[in-house]
N, C-alpha and C. Protein backbone atom coordinates (compact mmCIF):
# COMPACT_ATOMS: atom_id res chain seq x y z
N MET A 1 0.85 -1.17 0.00
CA MET A 1 0.00 0.00 0.00
C MET A 1 0.89 1.23 0.00
N ALA A 2 0.62 2.16 -0.93
CA ALA A 2 1.41 3.38 -1.04
C ALA A 2 1.05 4.33 0.09
N PRO A 3 1.98 5.24 0.46
CA PRO A 3 1.71 6.17 1.58
C PRO A 3 0.46 7.03 1.34
N HIS A 4 0.20 7.41 0.09
CA HIS A 4 -0.96 8.26 -0.15
C HIS A 4 -2.27 7.48 -0.13
N ASP A 5 -2.21 6.15 -0.15
CA ASP A 5 -3.40 5.32 -0.08
C ASP A 5 -3.77 4.95 1.36
N LYS A 6 -2.93 5.33 2.29
CA LYS A 6 -3.15 4.95 3.69
C LYS A 6 -4.40 5.65 4.23
N LYS A 7 -5.31 4.86 4.79
CA LYS A 7 -6.53 5.41 5.39
C LYS A 7 -6.24 5.80 6.82
N PRO A 8 -6.74 6.95 7.24
CA PRO A 8 -6.48 7.37 8.62
C PRO A 8 -7.22 6.48 9.62
N HIS A 9 -6.60 6.25 10.70
CA HIS A 9 -7.18 5.47 11.78
C HIS A 9 -8.21 6.34 12.50
N PRO A 10 -9.34 5.79 12.95
CA PRO A 10 -10.36 6.60 13.63
C PRO A 10 -9.85 7.37 14.84
N ASP A 11 -8.84 6.83 15.53
CA ASP A 11 -8.30 7.51 16.70
C ASP A 11 -7.23 8.53 16.36
N ASP A 12 -6.84 8.63 15.07
CA ASP A 12 -5.80 9.55 14.65
C ASP A 12 -6.43 10.92 14.38
N ASP A 13 -6.14 11.92 15.24
CA ASP A 13 -6.72 13.24 15.07
C ASP A 13 -5.66 14.26 14.66
N SER A 14 -4.67 13.82 13.91
CA SER A 14 -3.58 14.71 13.55
C SER A 14 -3.99 15.77 12.54
N ASP A 15 -4.95 15.49 11.63
CA ASP A 15 -5.30 16.43 10.57
C ASP A 15 -6.57 17.22 10.88
N ALA A 16 -7.60 16.58 11.36
CA ALA A 16 -8.90 17.23 11.51
C ALA A 16 -9.29 17.32 12.98
N GLU A 17 -9.98 18.40 13.30
CA GLU A 17 -10.49 18.56 14.65
C GLU A 17 -11.94 18.11 14.64
N VAL A 18 -12.26 17.13 15.44
CA VAL A 18 -13.59 16.58 15.49
C VAL A 18 -14.21 16.93 16.84
N VAL A 19 -15.44 17.41 16.79
CA VAL A 19 -16.15 17.74 18.02
C VAL A 19 -17.10 16.60 18.34
N ASP A 20 -16.93 16.02 19.51
CA ASP A 20 -17.81 14.94 19.93
C ASP A 20 -19.06 15.54 20.54
N ARG A 21 -20.19 15.37 19.87
CA ARG A 21 -21.44 15.98 20.33
C ARG A 21 -21.99 15.29 21.56
N ARG A 22 -21.46 14.13 21.90
CA ARG A 22 -21.97 13.40 23.05
C ARG A 22 -21.53 14.02 24.37
N VAL A 23 -20.60 14.97 24.34
CA VAL A 23 -20.13 15.56 25.59
C VAL A 23 -21.14 16.54 26.17
N GLY A 24 -22.16 16.90 25.39
CA GLY A 24 -23.24 17.72 25.93
C GLY A 24 -23.13 19.20 25.65
N ILE A 25 -22.13 19.64 24.89
CA ILE A 25 -22.02 21.06 24.57
C ILE A 25 -22.97 21.36 23.41
N ASP A 26 -23.85 22.31 23.61
CA ASP A 26 -24.82 22.69 22.57
C ASP A 26 -24.12 23.61 21.58
N ARG A 27 -23.93 23.15 20.36
CA ARG A 27 -23.21 23.94 19.36
C ARG A 27 -23.94 25.24 19.02
N ARG A 28 -25.25 25.30 19.26
CA ARG A 28 -25.99 26.53 18.99
C ARG A 28 -25.57 27.65 19.92
N LEU A 29 -25.07 27.28 21.09
CA LEU A 29 -24.62 28.29 22.05
C LEU A 29 -23.29 28.90 21.64
N LEU A 30 -22.56 28.24 20.75
CA LEU A 30 -21.27 28.74 20.30
C LEU A 30 -21.43 29.84 19.26
N LEU A 31 -22.59 29.94 18.62
CA LEU A 31 -22.84 30.95 17.61
C LEU A 31 -23.50 32.16 18.23
N PRO A 32 -23.18 33.36 17.75
CA PRO A 32 -23.86 34.53 18.29
C PRO A 32 -25.33 34.52 17.91
N PRO A 33 -26.21 34.99 18.78
CA PRO A 33 -27.63 34.99 18.45
C PRO A 33 -27.91 35.93 17.28
N SER A 34 -28.85 35.55 16.45
CA SER A 34 -29.22 36.36 15.31
C SER A 34 -30.00 37.58 15.78
N ALA A 35 -29.80 38.68 15.12
CA ALA A 35 -30.50 39.90 15.49
C ALA A 35 -31.58 40.25 14.48
N SER A 36 -31.96 39.30 13.62
CA SER A 36 -32.89 39.59 12.53
C SER A 36 -34.36 39.57 12.96
N ASN A 37 -34.67 38.95 14.08
CA ASN A 37 -36.04 38.77 14.54
C ASN A 37 -36.76 37.69 13.71
N LEU A 38 -36.00 36.79 13.09
CA LEU A 38 -36.58 35.73 12.27
C LEU A 38 -36.28 34.34 12.79
N GLU A 39 -35.71 34.22 13.98
CA GLU A 39 -35.31 32.91 14.49
C GLU A 39 -36.52 32.02 14.73
N ARG A 40 -36.45 30.78 14.28
CA ARG A 40 -37.51 29.82 14.55
C ARG A 40 -37.28 29.15 15.89
N ARG A 41 -36.02 28.87 16.22
CA ARG A 41 -35.72 28.24 17.51
C ARG A 41 -35.81 29.31 18.58
N ARG A 42 -36.58 29.02 19.58
CA ARG A 42 -36.84 30.04 20.59
C ARG A 42 -36.08 29.80 21.89
N GLY A 43 -35.44 28.66 22.01
CA GLY A 43 -34.68 28.40 23.21
C GLY A 43 -35.54 27.84 24.33
N PRO A 44 -34.91 27.42 25.40
CA PRO A 44 -35.65 26.83 26.51
C PRO A 44 -36.54 27.85 27.19
N GLY A 45 -37.75 27.43 27.54
CA GLY A 45 -38.64 28.30 28.28
C GLY A 45 -39.47 29.24 27.43
N ARG A 46 -39.23 29.26 26.12
CA ARG A 46 -40.00 30.15 25.25
C ARG A 46 -40.96 29.31 24.43
N ARG A 47 -42.20 29.65 24.48
CA ARG A 47 -43.22 28.87 23.81
C ARG A 47 -43.60 29.49 22.48
N LEU A 48 -44.14 28.64 21.60
CA LEU A 48 -44.66 29.13 20.32
C LEU A 48 -45.88 30.01 20.57
N THR A 49 -46.07 30.99 19.70
CA THR A 49 -47.26 31.81 19.82
C THR A 49 -48.46 30.96 19.44
N ASP A 50 -49.64 31.37 19.88
CA ASP A 50 -50.85 30.64 19.51
C ASP A 50 -51.04 30.60 18.01
N PHE A 51 -50.64 31.68 17.32
CA PHE A 51 -50.74 31.78 15.86
C PHE A 51 -49.97 30.64 15.18
N VAL A 52 -48.73 30.42 15.61
CA VAL A 52 -47.88 29.39 15.01
C VAL A 52 -48.30 28.01 15.50
N LYS A 53 -48.56 27.88 16.78
CA LYS A 53 -48.88 26.58 17.37
C LYS A 53 -50.14 25.98 16.75
N SER A 54 -51.19 26.79 16.61
CA SER A 54 -52.43 26.26 16.05
C SER A 54 -52.26 25.84 14.60
N ALA A 55 -51.48 26.60 13.83
CA ALA A 55 -51.25 26.24 12.42
C ALA A 55 -50.45 24.95 12.32
N GLU A 56 -49.44 24.78 13.17
CA GLU A 56 -48.64 23.57 13.13
C GLU A 56 -49.43 22.35 13.58
N GLU A 57 -50.47 22.57 14.37
CA GLU A 57 -51.32 21.47 14.82
C GLU A 57 -52.46 21.21 13.85
N GLY A 58 -52.54 21.97 12.76
CA GLY A 58 -53.56 21.75 11.75
C GLY A 58 -54.82 22.57 11.93
N GLU A 59 -54.83 23.47 12.88
CA GLU A 59 -55.99 24.33 13.09
C GLU A 59 -55.66 25.73 12.60
N MET A 60 -56.11 26.05 11.38
CA MET A 60 -55.79 27.34 10.80
C MET A 60 -56.87 28.37 11.10
N ASN A 61 -56.44 29.62 11.22
CA ASN A 61 -57.41 30.69 11.34
C ASN A 61 -57.84 31.11 9.93
N LYS A 62 -58.74 32.06 9.83
CA LYS A 62 -59.27 32.48 8.52
C LYS A 62 -58.16 32.99 7.60
N GLU A 63 -57.24 33.76 8.15
CA GLU A 63 -56.15 34.33 7.36
C GLU A 63 -55.26 33.24 6.77
N GLN A 64 -54.88 32.28 7.59
CA GLN A 64 -54.02 31.19 7.14
C GLN A 64 -54.73 30.34 6.09
N PHE A 65 -56.03 30.06 6.30
CA PHE A 65 -56.78 29.23 5.38
C PHE A 65 -56.95 29.94 4.03
N LEU A 66 -57.23 31.24 4.05
CA LEU A 66 -57.38 32.00 2.81
C LEU A 66 -56.07 32.00 2.03
N PHE A 67 -54.94 32.16 2.73
CA PHE A 67 -53.63 32.13 2.08
C PHE A 67 -53.37 30.77 1.45
N LEU A 68 -53.67 29.71 2.19
CA LEU A 68 -53.50 28.36 1.68
C LEU A 68 -54.34 28.14 0.42
N LEU A 69 -55.59 28.58 0.43
CA LEU A 69 -56.46 28.45 -0.74
C LEU A 69 -55.92 29.24 -1.93
N ALA A 70 -55.42 30.44 -1.67
CA ALA A 70 -54.87 31.26 -2.75
C ALA A 70 -53.64 30.60 -3.38
N ILE A 71 -52.75 30.07 -2.56
CA ILE A 71 -51.56 29.38 -3.08
C ILE A 71 -51.98 28.15 -3.88
N ASP A 72 -52.90 27.36 -3.33
CA ASP A 72 -53.36 26.15 -4.01
C ASP A 72 -54.03 26.48 -5.35
N THR A 73 -54.84 27.51 -5.37
CA THR A 73 -55.51 27.92 -6.61
C THR A 73 -54.48 28.37 -7.64
N PHE A 74 -53.49 29.16 -7.22
CA PHE A 74 -52.44 29.60 -8.13
C PHE A 74 -51.72 28.40 -8.75
N LYS A 75 -51.39 27.41 -7.92
CA LYS A 75 -50.67 26.24 -8.43
C LYS A 75 -51.51 25.47 -9.43
N ARG A 76 -52.80 25.31 -9.15
CA ARG A 76 -53.67 24.57 -10.08
C ARG A 76 -53.87 25.32 -11.39
N VAL A 77 -54.15 26.61 -11.31
CA VAL A 77 -54.44 27.41 -12.50
C VAL A 77 -53.20 27.53 -13.40
N ASN A 78 -52.04 27.66 -12.80
CA ASN A 78 -50.81 27.86 -13.56
C ASN A 78 -50.00 26.59 -13.78
N HIS A 79 -50.54 25.45 -13.34
CA HIS A 79 -49.86 24.15 -13.50
C HIS A 79 -48.42 24.21 -12.97
N ARG A 80 -48.28 24.73 -11.75
CA ARG A 80 -46.96 24.86 -11.13
C ARG A 80 -47.01 24.21 -9.77
N THR A 81 -46.13 23.28 -9.54
CA THR A 81 -46.05 22.61 -8.25
C THR A 81 -45.41 23.51 -7.20
N PHE A 82 -44.40 24.27 -7.63
CA PHE A 82 -43.65 25.11 -6.69
C PHE A 82 -43.63 26.56 -7.18
N PRO A 83 -44.47 27.42 -6.59
CA PRO A 83 -44.44 28.82 -6.99
C PRO A 83 -43.13 29.48 -6.56
N THR A 84 -42.66 30.45 -7.33
CA THR A 84 -41.46 31.19 -6.97
C THR A 84 -41.81 32.18 -5.86
N TRP A 85 -40.80 32.77 -5.26
CA TRP A 85 -41.06 33.77 -4.22
C TRP A 85 -41.77 34.98 -4.81
N THR A 86 -41.46 35.31 -6.07
CA THR A 86 -42.16 36.40 -6.74
C THR A 86 -43.64 36.07 -6.89
N ASP A 87 -43.93 34.81 -7.23
CA ASP A 87 -45.33 34.37 -7.33
C ASP A 87 -46.03 34.50 -5.98
N VAL A 88 -45.36 34.09 -4.92
CA VAL A 88 -45.95 34.16 -3.57
C VAL A 88 -46.23 35.61 -3.20
N LEU A 89 -45.29 36.51 -3.50
CA LEU A 89 -45.51 37.93 -3.20
C LEU A 89 -46.68 38.47 -4.03
N GLU A 90 -46.80 38.05 -5.28
CA GLU A 90 -47.94 38.46 -6.12
C GLU A 90 -49.26 38.01 -5.50
N ILE A 91 -49.31 36.78 -5.04
CA ILE A 91 -50.52 36.25 -4.41
C ILE A 91 -50.86 37.05 -3.16
N ILE A 92 -49.85 37.34 -2.35
CA ILE A 92 -50.07 38.11 -1.13
C ILE A 92 -50.62 39.49 -1.45
N ARG A 93 -50.05 40.15 -2.46
CA ARG A 93 -50.53 41.48 -2.86
C ARG A 93 -51.96 41.41 -3.38
N LYS A 94 -52.28 40.36 -4.15
CA LYS A 94 -53.64 40.21 -4.69
C LYS A 94 -54.65 39.86 -3.59
N LEU A 95 -54.19 39.30 -2.49
CA LEU A 95 -55.07 39.06 -1.35
C LEU A 95 -55.42 40.36 -0.62
N GLY A 96 -54.70 41.42 -0.93
CA GLY A 96 -55.00 42.72 -0.33
C GLY A 96 -53.98 43.22 0.66
N TYR A 97 -52.90 42.49 0.86
CA TYR A 97 -51.88 42.93 1.81
C TYR A 97 -51.04 44.05 1.20
N ARG A 98 -50.77 45.08 2.01
CA ARG A 98 -49.95 46.20 1.60
C ARG A 98 -48.95 46.51 2.71
N LYS A 99 -47.87 47.14 2.36
CA LYS A 99 -46.81 47.49 3.32
C LYS A 99 -47.17 48.84 3.94
N THR A 100 -47.95 48.81 5.01
CA THR A 100 -48.45 50.03 5.63
C THR A 100 -47.71 50.41 6.91
N MET A 101 -46.84 49.55 7.39
CA MET A 101 -46.09 49.82 8.62
C MET A 101 -44.61 49.59 8.37
N THR A 102 -43.78 50.16 9.22
CA THR A 102 -42.36 49.90 9.11
C THR A 102 -42.09 48.47 9.57
N THR A 103 -41.02 47.90 9.10
CA THR A 103 -40.72 46.50 9.39
C THR A 103 -40.27 46.29 10.83
N GLU A 104 -40.57 45.11 11.35
CA GLU A 104 -40.10 44.71 12.68
C GLU A 104 -38.83 43.89 12.57
N LEU A 105 -38.40 43.61 11.34
CA LEU A 105 -37.22 42.79 11.10
C LEU A 105 -35.98 43.65 11.01
N LYS A 106 -34.86 43.07 11.38
CA LYS A 106 -33.58 43.75 11.27
C LYS A 106 -32.80 43.05 10.15
N LEU A 107 -32.89 43.60 8.95
CA LEU A 107 -32.33 42.94 7.77
C LEU A 107 -30.99 43.50 7.33
N GLY A 108 -30.46 44.45 8.03
CA GLY A 108 -29.16 44.99 7.70
C GLY A 108 -29.25 46.26 6.87
N PRO A 109 -28.09 46.88 6.62
CA PRO A 109 -28.06 48.17 5.94
C PRO A 109 -28.46 48.11 4.46
N GLN A 110 -28.40 46.96 3.84
CA GLN A 110 -28.74 46.85 2.43
C GLN A 110 -30.25 46.89 2.19
N ALA A 111 -31.06 46.71 3.22
CA ALA A 111 -32.52 46.68 3.08
C ALA A 111 -33.09 48.08 3.31
N THR A 112 -33.82 48.56 2.32
CA THR A 112 -34.48 49.86 2.43
C THR A 112 -35.94 49.64 2.77
N ASP A 113 -36.40 50.25 3.83
CA ASP A 113 -37.78 50.08 4.26
C ASP A 113 -38.64 51.18 3.65
N TRP A 114 -39.91 50.92 3.50
CA TRP A 114 -40.87 51.90 2.97
C TRP A 114 -42.25 51.55 3.47
N THR A 115 -43.18 52.43 3.27
CA THR A 115 -44.59 52.15 3.56
C THR A 115 -45.41 52.67 2.39
N GLU A 116 -46.64 52.20 2.30
CA GLU A 116 -47.54 52.64 1.25
C GLU A 116 -48.94 52.77 1.83
N LYS A 117 -49.82 53.40 1.09
CA LYS A 117 -51.19 53.57 1.56
C LYS A 117 -51.91 52.22 1.55
N ALA A 118 -52.83 52.06 2.47
CA ALA A 118 -53.56 50.80 2.58
C ALA A 118 -54.38 50.50 1.34
N ASP A 119 -54.80 51.53 0.61
CA ASP A 119 -55.61 51.30 -0.58
C ASP A 119 -54.79 51.36 -1.87
N ALA A 120 -53.47 51.23 -1.75
CA ALA A 120 -52.61 51.24 -2.94
C ALA A 120 -52.93 50.03 -3.82
N PRO A 121 -52.84 50.19 -5.15
CA PRO A 121 -53.10 49.04 -6.03
C PRO A 121 -52.03 47.97 -5.82
N ALA A 122 -52.38 46.73 -6.17
CA ALA A 122 -51.45 45.62 -5.99
C ALA A 122 -50.17 45.85 -6.78
N GLY A 123 -50.29 46.39 -7.98
CA GLY A 123 -49.10 46.70 -8.77
C GLY A 123 -48.37 45.51 -9.32
N VAL A 124 -49.01 44.35 -9.38
CA VAL A 124 -48.33 43.17 -9.90
C VAL A 124 -48.56 42.97 -11.39
N HIS A 125 -49.61 43.57 -11.91
CA HIS A 125 -49.89 43.52 -13.35
C HIS A 125 -50.33 44.90 -13.80
N LYS A 126 -50.00 45.23 -15.02
CA LYS A 126 -50.50 46.47 -15.57
C LYS A 126 -51.99 46.32 -15.82
N PRO A 127 -52.75 47.38 -15.64
CA PRO A 127 -54.18 47.29 -15.93
C PRO A 127 -54.40 46.94 -17.40
N ALA A 128 -55.41 46.14 -17.67
CA ALA A 128 -55.70 45.74 -19.04
C ALA A 128 -56.04 46.97 -19.87
N GLU A 129 -55.40 47.04 -21.04
CA GLU A 129 -55.67 48.17 -21.93
C GLU A 129 -56.98 47.95 -22.65
N LYS A 130 -57.71 49.05 -22.82
CA LYS A 130 -58.99 48.97 -23.52
C LYS A 130 -58.74 48.82 -25.00
N ARG A 131 -59.47 47.91 -25.61
CA ARG A 131 -59.35 47.70 -27.05
C ARG A 131 -60.30 48.65 -27.77
N GLU A 132 -59.80 49.22 -28.84
CA GLU A 132 -60.67 50.05 -29.66
C GLU A 132 -61.19 49.19 -30.79
N GLU A 133 -62.50 49.06 -30.89
CA GLU A 133 -63.06 48.22 -31.94
C GLU A 133 -63.84 49.03 -32.91
């Protein structure tokens, strides 16, 4: 067997540093907490909101059910199994949602926040032009 064909022995830690997860150190604690306000993991002692908990248990409120129906209808009408994020935003705008408040998220300096009037048009399609006949 040539030297370059030699397989490392499991107990040989000369090249790579391996962290044994069985020692009980939570690797999530080694990372700084995110400041985005988008974390799904809430940590010990923090419970899911009723909004999230009921949806995960299969009990949707009117808003969640309407969104689900809108997404499902879009997929059926457009023969698309996976809508793009642009498609999802279009559906949300057509449901009547508008950006009327400043964001609660911390997305960094590259994100520019704005607001619009509650009755602003969806703006996802140009209005149909009238045909002259």
